[in-house]
Amino acid sequence: MNATTLPLRDVHLPAAPGGWPPAPGWWLLSGALLLGLGVLVALRLRRRRRRRRWQSLFDGALAAAPGAAARLGMASELLRRAARRSDPDAALLQGEAWLQFLDGGHGHDFSTGDGRMLLDGGFRRAVDEAHAARACALARGRFIGLMERRR
């Protein structure tokens, strides 16, 4: 036969495969990503619940104290307990060593700032309310930080 007489047609490529349903590997990857996201959300919620519980513990203990000096004494006691939880030797520190431990590399708010009231504020007869409130706010933040630390 002659090439001009042959009934030839153009070459037709098959249709491209569809995007749905995805291959099994994509299902596994998306499942692993969803599982990882679920674990992250659960850990974050757990951490938030624990943090709120510690905040309410601290705030409740300070609210039960009758005056500014008693609040400072309670804040100092709670800080000692939290320090003992993260480092058993830290609860034995006294004076400047205790304040430097409370600073913990996050500034000098305890050793040179309002946090110095925690040393002897609980034993004073008269304590300035505003000064005590600032010291208790510092103590609250450090308390939460110490409670979040792992041994």
N, C-alpha and C. Protein backbone atom coordinates (compact mmCIF):
# COMPACT_ATOMS: atom_id res chain seq x y z
N MET A 1 0.80 -1.18 0.00
CA MET A 1 0.00 0.00 0.00
C MET A 1 0.84 1.24 0.00
N ASN A 2 0.26 2.16 -0.54
CA ASN A 2 0.90 3.44 -0.65
C ASN A 2 0.56 4.28 0.58
N ALA A 3 1.51 5.10 1.08
CA ALA A 3 1.33 5.90 2.29
C ALA A 3 0.25 6.95 2.12
N THR A 4 -0.01 7.32 0.94
CA THR A 4 -1.04 8.32 0.73
C THR A 4 -2.43 7.73 0.79
N THR A 5 -2.54 6.46 0.63
CA THR A 5 -3.85 5.85 0.64
C THR A 5 -4.22 5.22 1.97
N LEU A 6 -3.27 5.19 2.91
CA LEU A 6 -3.57 4.60 4.22
C LEU A 6 -4.47 5.54 5.02
N PRO A 7 -5.48 4.99 5.70
CA PRO A 7 -6.35 5.83 6.52
C PRO A 7 -5.73 6.10 7.90
N LEU A 8 -4.82 7.04 8.02
CA LEU A 8 -4.14 7.35 9.29
C LEU A 8 -4.86 8.49 10.01
N ARG A 9 -4.85 8.35 11.31
CA ARG A 9 -5.45 9.40 12.14
C ARG A 9 -4.35 10.06 12.97
N ASP A 10 -4.65 11.24 13.52
CA ASP A 10 -3.69 11.92 14.39
C ASP A 10 -3.56 11.15 15.70
N VAL A 11 -2.41 11.31 16.33
CA VAL A 11 -2.17 10.67 17.62
C VAL A 11 -2.92 11.47 18.69
N HIS A 12 -3.72 10.77 19.49
CA HIS A 12 -4.47 11.40 20.58
C HIS A 12 -3.91 10.89 21.90
N LEU A 13 -3.49 11.84 22.76
CA LEU A 13 -2.98 11.47 24.08
C LEU A 13 -4.15 11.19 25.01
N PRO A 14 -3.94 10.26 25.97
CA PRO A 14 -5.02 9.99 26.91
C PRO A 14 -5.25 11.21 27.82
N ALA A 15 -6.40 11.28 28.42
CA ALA A 15 -6.73 12.40 29.32
C ALA A 15 -5.86 12.32 30.56
N ALA A 16 -5.50 13.49 31.11
CA ALA A 16 -4.69 13.54 32.33
C ALA A 16 -5.49 12.96 33.49
N PRO A 17 -4.80 12.29 34.39
CA PRO A 17 -5.52 11.73 35.53
C PRO A 17 -6.12 12.85 36.39
N GLY A 18 -7.24 12.58 36.99
CA GLY A 18 -7.94 13.57 37.81
C GLY A 18 -7.23 13.80 39.14
N GLY A 19 -7.52 14.90 39.77
CA GLY A 19 -6.90 15.24 41.05
C GLY A 19 -7.61 14.60 42.24
N TRP A 20 -8.79 14.06 41.99
CA TRP A 20 -9.54 13.45 43.08
C TRP A 20 -9.95 12.07 42.69
N PRO A 21 -9.81 11.15 43.52
CA PRO A 21 -9.28 11.11 44.88
C PRO A 21 -7.75 11.10 44.86
N PRO A 22 -7.14 11.69 45.87
CA PRO A 22 -5.69 11.72 45.91
C PRO A 22 -5.11 10.33 46.15
N ALA A 23 -3.83 10.23 45.87
CA ALA A 23 -3.13 8.97 46.06
C ALA A 23 -3.06 8.64 47.55
N PRO A 24 -2.88 7.37 47.91
CA PRO A 24 -2.84 6.98 49.33
C PRO A 24 -1.78 7.70 50.15
N GLY A 25 -0.67 8.04 49.55
CA GLY A 25 0.38 8.76 50.29
C GLY A 25 -0.07 10.12 50.76
N TRP A 26 -0.87 10.81 49.96
CA TRP A 26 -1.39 12.10 50.37
C TRP A 26 -2.37 11.97 51.52
N TRP A 27 -3.16 10.89 51.51
CA TRP A 27 -4.08 10.64 52.64
C TRP A 27 -3.28 10.43 53.93
N LEU A 28 -2.20 9.65 53.85
CA LEU A 28 -1.37 9.40 55.03
C LEU A 28 -0.72 10.70 55.53
N LEU A 29 -0.20 11.48 54.59
CA LEU A 29 0.43 12.75 54.98
C LEU A 29 -0.57 13.69 55.64
N SER A 30 -1.75 13.83 55.07
CA SER A 30 -2.75 14.72 55.68
C SER A 30 -3.20 14.19 57.04
N GLY A 31 -3.32 12.87 57.18
CA GLY A 31 -3.68 12.30 58.48
C GLY A 31 -2.62 12.56 59.53
N ALA A 32 -1.34 12.42 59.14
CA ALA A 32 -0.25 12.70 60.08
C ALA A 32 -0.22 14.17 60.47
N LEU A 33 -0.45 15.06 59.52
CA LEU A 33 -0.49 16.49 59.83
C LEU A 33 -1.64 16.84 60.77
N LEU A 34 -2.81 16.26 60.52
CA LEU A 34 -3.95 16.51 61.40
C LEU A 34 -3.71 15.97 62.80
N LEU A 35 -3.09 14.80 62.89
CA LEU A 35 -2.78 14.22 64.19
C LEU A 35 -1.79 15.10 64.94
N GLY A 36 -0.75 15.57 64.24
CA GLY A 36 0.23 16.46 64.87
C GLY A 36 -0.40 17.76 65.33
N LEU A 37 -1.28 18.32 64.52
CA LEU A 37 -1.98 19.55 64.90
C LEU A 37 -2.86 19.32 66.11
N GLY A 38 -3.53 18.18 66.15
CA GLY A 38 -4.38 17.86 67.30
C GLY A 38 -3.57 17.73 68.58
N VAL A 39 -2.40 17.10 68.49
CA VAL A 39 -1.54 16.96 69.67
C VAL A 39 -1.06 18.33 70.14
N LEU A 40 -0.66 19.19 69.20
CA LEU A 40 -0.22 20.54 69.58
C LEU A 40 -1.32 21.33 70.26
N VAL A 41 -2.52 21.26 69.74
CA VAL A 41 -3.65 21.98 70.34
C VAL A 41 -3.94 21.44 71.74
N ALA A 42 -3.90 20.11 71.89
CA ALA A 42 -4.17 19.51 73.19
C ALA A 42 -3.11 19.92 74.21
N LEU A 43 -1.84 19.95 73.81
CA LEU A 43 -0.78 20.36 74.73
C LEU A 43 -0.91 21.83 75.13
N ARG A 44 -1.26 22.66 74.17
CA ARG A 44 -1.42 24.08 74.46
C ARG A 44 -2.60 24.32 75.42
N LEU A 45 -3.70 23.61 75.20
CA LEU A 45 -4.85 23.75 76.10
C LEU A 45 -4.52 23.26 77.51
N ARG A 46 -3.77 22.18 77.58
CA ARG A 46 -3.37 21.64 78.88
C ARG A 46 -2.48 22.63 79.62
N ARG A 47 -1.53 23.22 78.89
CA ARG A 47 -0.64 24.20 79.50
C ARG A 47 -1.42 25.43 79.96
N ARG A 48 -2.39 25.87 79.17
CA ARG A 48 -3.20 27.04 79.53
C ARG A 48 -4.03 26.74 80.79
N ARG A 49 -4.59 25.53 80.88
CA ARG A 49 -5.38 25.17 82.07
C ARG A 49 -4.51 25.16 83.32
N ARG A 50 -3.30 24.56 83.19
CA ARG A 50 -2.40 24.53 84.34
C ARG A 50 -2.00 25.94 84.75
N ARG A 51 -1.71 26.78 83.79
CA ARG A 51 -1.31 28.16 84.08
C ARG A 51 -2.44 28.92 84.79
N ARG A 52 -3.67 28.74 84.32
CA ARG A 52 -4.81 29.40 84.98
C ARG A 52 -5.00 28.88 86.40
N ARG A 53 -4.79 27.58 86.58
CA ARG A 53 -4.92 27.00 87.92
C ARG A 53 -3.88 27.59 88.86
N TRP A 54 -2.63 27.74 88.39
CA TRP A 54 -1.57 28.33 89.23
C TRP A 54 -1.85 29.80 89.50
N GLN A 55 -2.37 30.50 88.50
CA GLN A 55 -2.70 31.91 88.72
C GLN A 55 -3.81 32.06 89.76
N SER A 56 -4.82 31.20 89.67
CA SER A 56 -5.91 31.30 90.65
C SER A 56 -5.44 30.87 92.04
N LEU A 57 -4.52 29.92 92.13
CA LEU A 57 -3.96 29.53 93.41
C LEU A 57 -3.22 30.71 94.03
N PHE A 58 -2.38 31.37 93.24
CA PHE A 58 -1.61 32.51 93.74
C PHE A 58 -2.54 33.65 94.14
N ASP A 59 -3.46 33.99 93.26
CA ASP A 59 -4.37 35.11 93.53
C ASP A 59 -5.28 34.82 94.72
N GLY A 60 -5.73 33.57 94.86
CA GLY A 60 -6.58 33.21 95.99
C GLY A 60 -5.85 33.30 97.31
N ALA A 61 -4.59 32.85 97.31
CA ALA A 61 -3.80 32.92 98.54
C ALA A 61 -3.54 34.37 98.94
N LEU A 62 -3.26 35.22 97.98
CA LEU A 62 -3.01 36.63 98.30
C LEU A 62 -4.29 37.35 98.70
N ALA A 63 -5.42 36.96 98.11
CA ALA A 63 -6.69 37.60 98.47
C ALA A 63 -7.09 37.27 99.89
N ALA A 64 -6.67 36.11 100.38
CA ALA A 64 -7.02 35.71 101.74
C ALA A 64 -6.17 36.42 102.79
N ALA A 65 -5.06 37.04 102.37
CA ALA A 65 -4.18 37.73 103.32
C ALA A 65 -4.83 39.06 103.73
N PRO A 66 -4.77 39.42 105.03
CA PRO A 66 -5.50 40.59 105.53
C PRO A 66 -4.90 41.94 105.17
N GLY A 67 -3.61 42.04 104.91
CA GLY A 67 -3.02 43.35 104.64
C GLY A 67 -1.88 43.23 103.65
N ALA A 68 -1.26 44.39 103.36
CA ALA A 68 -0.18 44.40 102.38
C ALA A 68 1.02 43.59 102.87
N ALA A 69 1.35 43.70 104.14
CA ALA A 69 2.49 42.95 104.68
C ALA A 69 2.20 41.44 104.63
N ALA A 70 0.99 41.06 104.95
CA ALA A 70 0.63 39.64 104.90
C ALA A 70 0.64 39.12 103.46
N ARG A 71 0.22 39.97 102.51
CA ARG A 71 0.27 39.57 101.10
C ARG A 71 1.71 39.36 100.65
N LEU A 72 2.61 40.23 101.07
CA LEU A 72 4.02 40.05 100.73
C LEU A 72 4.59 38.78 101.34
N GLY A 73 4.21 38.51 102.58
CA GLY A 73 4.67 37.27 103.22
C GLY A 73 4.13 36.04 102.50
N MET A 74 2.88 36.07 102.09
CA MET A 74 2.29 34.94 101.37
C MET A 74 2.93 34.76 100.00
N ALA A 75 3.19 35.88 99.32
CA ALA A 75 3.85 35.80 98.01
C ALA A 75 5.24 35.20 98.15
N SER A 76 5.95 35.59 99.18
CA SER A 76 7.29 35.04 99.41
C SER A 76 7.21 33.55 99.71
N GLU A 77 6.23 33.15 100.51
CA GLU A 77 6.07 31.72 100.83
C GLU A 77 5.74 30.90 99.58
N LEU A 78 4.86 31.43 98.75
CA LEU A 78 4.52 30.71 97.51
C LEU A 78 5.71 30.62 96.57
N LEU A 79 6.52 31.67 96.52
CA LEU A 79 7.73 31.62 95.70
C LEU A 79 8.71 30.58 96.23
N ARG A 80 8.82 30.46 97.53
CA ARG A 80 9.70 29.43 98.12
C ARG A 80 9.22 28.04 97.75
N ARG A 81 7.93 27.82 97.80
CA ARG A 81 7.39 26.51 97.44
C ARG A 81 7.64 26.19 95.97
N ALA A 82 7.43 27.17 95.11
CA ALA A 82 7.66 26.96 93.68
C ALA A 82 9.15 26.73 93.40
N ALA A 83 10.01 27.46 94.11
CA ALA A 83 11.45 27.27 93.92
C ALA A 83 11.87 25.89 94.38
N ARG A 84 11.29 25.42 95.46
CA ARG A 84 11.61 24.07 95.94
C ARG A 84 11.19 23.02 94.94
N ARG A 85 10.12 23.29 94.22
CA ARG A 85 9.64 22.34 93.22
C ARG A 85 10.62 22.24 92.04
N SER A 86 11.18 23.37 91.62
CA SER A 86 12.07 23.35 90.47
C SER A 86 13.51 23.05 90.85
N ASP A 87 13.93 23.48 92.04
CA ASP A 87 15.30 23.25 92.49
C ASP A 87 15.28 23.14 94.02
N PRO A 88 15.44 21.95 94.57
CA PRO A 88 15.32 21.78 96.03
C PRO A 88 16.29 22.65 96.84
N ASP A 89 17.46 22.97 96.29
CA ASP A 89 18.42 23.79 97.03
C ASP A 89 18.05 25.27 97.04
N ALA A 90 17.21 25.69 96.12
CA ALA A 90 16.86 27.11 96.02
C ALA A 90 16.05 27.60 97.21
N ALA A 91 15.29 26.73 97.84
CA ALA A 91 14.47 27.15 98.97
C ALA A 91 15.32 27.48 100.20
N LEU A 92 16.57 27.06 100.20
CA LEU A 92 17.45 27.33 101.33
C LEU A 92 18.21 28.65 101.19
N LEU A 93 18.09 29.30 100.04
CA LEU A 93 18.80 30.56 99.81
C LEU A 93 18.23 31.66 100.69
N GLN A 94 19.09 32.60 101.09
CA GLN A 94 18.69 33.71 101.94
C GLN A 94 19.20 35.02 101.36
N GLY A 95 18.56 36.10 101.66
CA GLY A 95 19.02 37.44 101.34
C GLY A 95 19.23 37.68 99.85
N GLU A 96 20.40 38.24 99.54
CA GLU A 96 20.71 38.62 98.16
C GLU A 96 20.77 37.40 97.24
N ALA A 97 21.22 36.27 97.75
CA ALA A 97 21.28 35.06 96.92
C ALA A 97 19.87 34.64 96.49
N TRP A 98 18.91 34.79 97.39
CA TRP A 98 17.52 34.45 97.07
C TRP A 98 16.97 35.40 96.01
N LEU A 99 17.26 36.69 96.15
CA LEU A 99 16.78 37.66 95.16
C LEU A 99 17.44 37.45 93.80
N GLN A 100 18.70 37.08 93.78
CA GLN A 100 19.37 36.81 92.51
C GLN A 100 18.81 35.55 91.86
N PHE A 101 18.44 34.57 92.68
CA PHE A 101 17.78 33.38 92.13
C PHE A 101 16.44 33.77 91.51
N LEU A 102 15.71 34.64 92.18
CA LEU A 102 14.42 35.09 91.65
C LEU A 102 14.59 35.89 90.37
N ASP A 103 15.69 36.64 90.27
CA ASP A 103 15.96 37.35 89.02
C ASP A 103 16.09 36.35 87.88
N GLY A 104 16.79 35.27 88.11
CA GLY A 104 16.87 34.16 87.16
C GLY A 104 17.30 34.54 85.76
N GLY A 105 18.11 35.56 85.60
CA GLY A 105 18.56 35.94 84.27
C GLY A 105 17.52 36.72 83.48
N HIS A 106 16.43 37.14 84.12
CA HIS A 106 15.37 37.88 83.43
C HIS A 106 15.34 39.33 83.89
N GLY A 107 16.47 39.93 84.10
CA GLY A 107 16.50 41.31 84.58
C GLY A 107 16.85 41.32 86.06
N HIS A 108 16.74 42.49 86.66
CA HIS A 108 17.09 42.65 88.07
C HIS A 108 15.93 43.25 88.84
N ASP A 109 14.73 42.82 88.54
CA ASP A 109 13.55 43.38 89.20
C ASP A 109 13.46 42.98 90.66
N PHE A 110 14.05 41.86 91.03
CA PHE A 110 13.98 41.44 92.42
C PHE A 110 15.17 41.97 93.22
N SER A 111 16.36 41.92 92.66
CA SER A 111 17.53 42.32 93.43
C SER A 111 17.69 43.84 93.53
N THR A 112 17.19 44.59 92.55
CA THR A 112 17.34 46.05 92.63
C THR A 112 16.02 46.78 92.51
N GLY A 113 14.93 46.10 92.18
CA GLY A 113 13.65 46.78 91.96
C GLY A 113 12.66 46.55 93.07
N ASP A 114 11.40 46.52 92.69
CA ASP A 114 10.31 46.39 93.65
C ASP A 114 10.31 45.04 94.36
N GLY A 115 10.94 44.05 93.78
CA GLY A 115 10.95 42.72 94.37
C GLY A 115 11.71 42.61 95.68
N ARG A 116 12.53 43.63 95.99
CA ARG A 116 13.27 43.61 97.26
C ARG A 116 12.33 43.59 98.46
N MET A 117 11.10 44.01 98.25
CA MET A 117 10.12 44.01 99.35
C MET A 117 9.84 42.59 99.85
N LEU A 118 10.12 41.59 99.02
CA LEU A 118 9.84 40.21 99.44
C LEU A 118 10.78 39.74 100.54
N LEU A 119 11.91 40.40 100.70
CA LEU A 119 12.84 40.00 101.75
C LEU A 119 12.29 40.27 103.14
N ASP A 120 11.85 41.50 103.37
CA ASP A 120 11.41 41.85 104.71
C ASP A 120 10.04 42.52 104.76
N GLY A 121 9.35 42.61 103.63
CA GLY A 121 8.04 43.27 103.60
C GLY A 121 7.00 42.58 104.45
N GLY A 122 7.10 41.27 104.59
CA GLY A 122 6.15 40.53 105.41
C GLY A 122 6.32 40.79 106.90
N PHE A 123 7.47 41.37 107.29
CA PHE A 123 7.76 41.60 108.70
C PHE A 123 7.63 43.08 109.10
N ARG A 124 7.37 43.92 108.12
CA ARG A 124 7.24 45.35 108.42
C ARG A 124 5.87 45.66 109.00
N ARG A 125 5.84 46.70 109.81
CA ARG A 125 4.58 47.12 110.42
C ARG A 125 3.72 47.86 109.40
N ALA A 126 4.34 48.76 108.64
CA ALA A 126 3.60 49.53 107.64
C ALA A 126 4.27 49.35 106.27
N VAL A 127 3.45 49.00 105.29
CA VAL A 127 3.94 48.77 103.94
C VAL A 127 3.09 49.58 102.98
N ASP A 128 3.73 50.24 102.05
CA ASP A 128 3.02 51.02 101.04
C ASP A 128 2.24 50.06 100.13
N GLU A 129 0.95 50.31 99.96
CA GLU A 129 0.07 49.43 99.17
C GLU A 129 0.53 49.31 97.72
N ALA A 130 0.87 50.45 97.10
CA ALA A 130 1.26 50.44 95.69
C ALA A 130 2.56 49.67 95.50
N HIS A 131 3.51 49.89 96.41
CA HIS A 131 4.78 49.19 96.35
C HIS A 131 4.56 47.68 96.53
N ALA A 132 3.73 47.33 97.47
CA ALA A 132 3.43 45.91 97.71
C ALA A 132 2.72 45.28 96.52
N ALA A 133 1.83 46.02 95.87
CA ALA A 133 1.12 45.50 94.71
C ALA A 133 2.08 45.22 93.56
N ARG A 134 3.05 46.13 93.34
CA ARG A 134 4.04 45.90 92.29
C ARG A 134 4.91 44.70 92.61
N ALA A 135 5.30 44.55 93.88
CA ALA A 135 6.12 43.41 94.28
C ALA A 135 5.34 42.10 94.12
N CYS A 136 4.06 42.12 94.46
CA CYS A 136 3.24 40.92 94.31
C CYS A 136 3.01 40.57 92.84
N ALA A 137 2.91 41.57 91.98
CA ALA A 137 2.77 41.31 90.55
C ALA A 137 4.04 40.67 90.00
N LEU A 138 5.20 41.16 90.45
CA LEU A 138 6.46 40.53 90.06
C LEU A 138 6.52 39.09 90.56
N ALA A 139 6.12 38.90 91.81
CA ALA A 139 6.15 37.57 92.41
C ALA A 139 5.21 36.62 91.67
N ARG A 140 4.07 37.13 91.23
CA ARG A 140 3.10 36.29 90.50
C ARG A 140 3.71 35.78 89.19
N GLY A 141 4.35 36.68 88.45
CA GLY A 141 4.97 36.28 87.20
C GLY A 141 6.08 35.26 87.40
N ARG A 142 6.89 35.49 88.43
CA ARG A 142 8.00 34.55 88.70
C ARG A 142 7.46 33.23 89.23
N PHE A 143 6.39 33.26 90.00
CA PHE A 143 5.76 32.03 90.50
C PHE A 143 5.30 31.16 89.34
N ILE A 144 4.61 31.77 88.37
CA ILE A 144 4.13 31.02 87.21
C ILE A 144 5.32 30.46 86.44
N GLY A 145 6.36 31.26 86.27
CA GLY A 145 7.56 30.79 85.57
C GLY A 145 8.23 29.62 86.26
N LEU A 146 8.30 29.67 87.58
CA LEU A 146 8.91 28.57 88.32
C LEU A 146 8.05 27.31 88.28
N MET A 147 6.74 27.49 88.31
CA MET A 147 5.86 26.32 88.26
C MET A 147 5.89 25.65 86.89
N GLU A 148 6.15 26.42 85.83
CA GLU A 148 6.20 25.84 84.50
C GLU A 148 7.50 25.12 84.23
N ARG A 149 8.54 25.43 84.99
CA ARG A 149 9.83 24.77 84.78
C ARG A 149 9.75 23.31 85.16
N ARG A 150 10.45 22.52 84.39
CA ARG A 150 10.56 21.09 84.69
C ARG A 150 11.87 20.86 85.42
N ARG A 151 11.89 19.81 86.21
CA ARG A 151 13.13 19.45 86.90
C ARG A 151 14.12 18.87 85.95
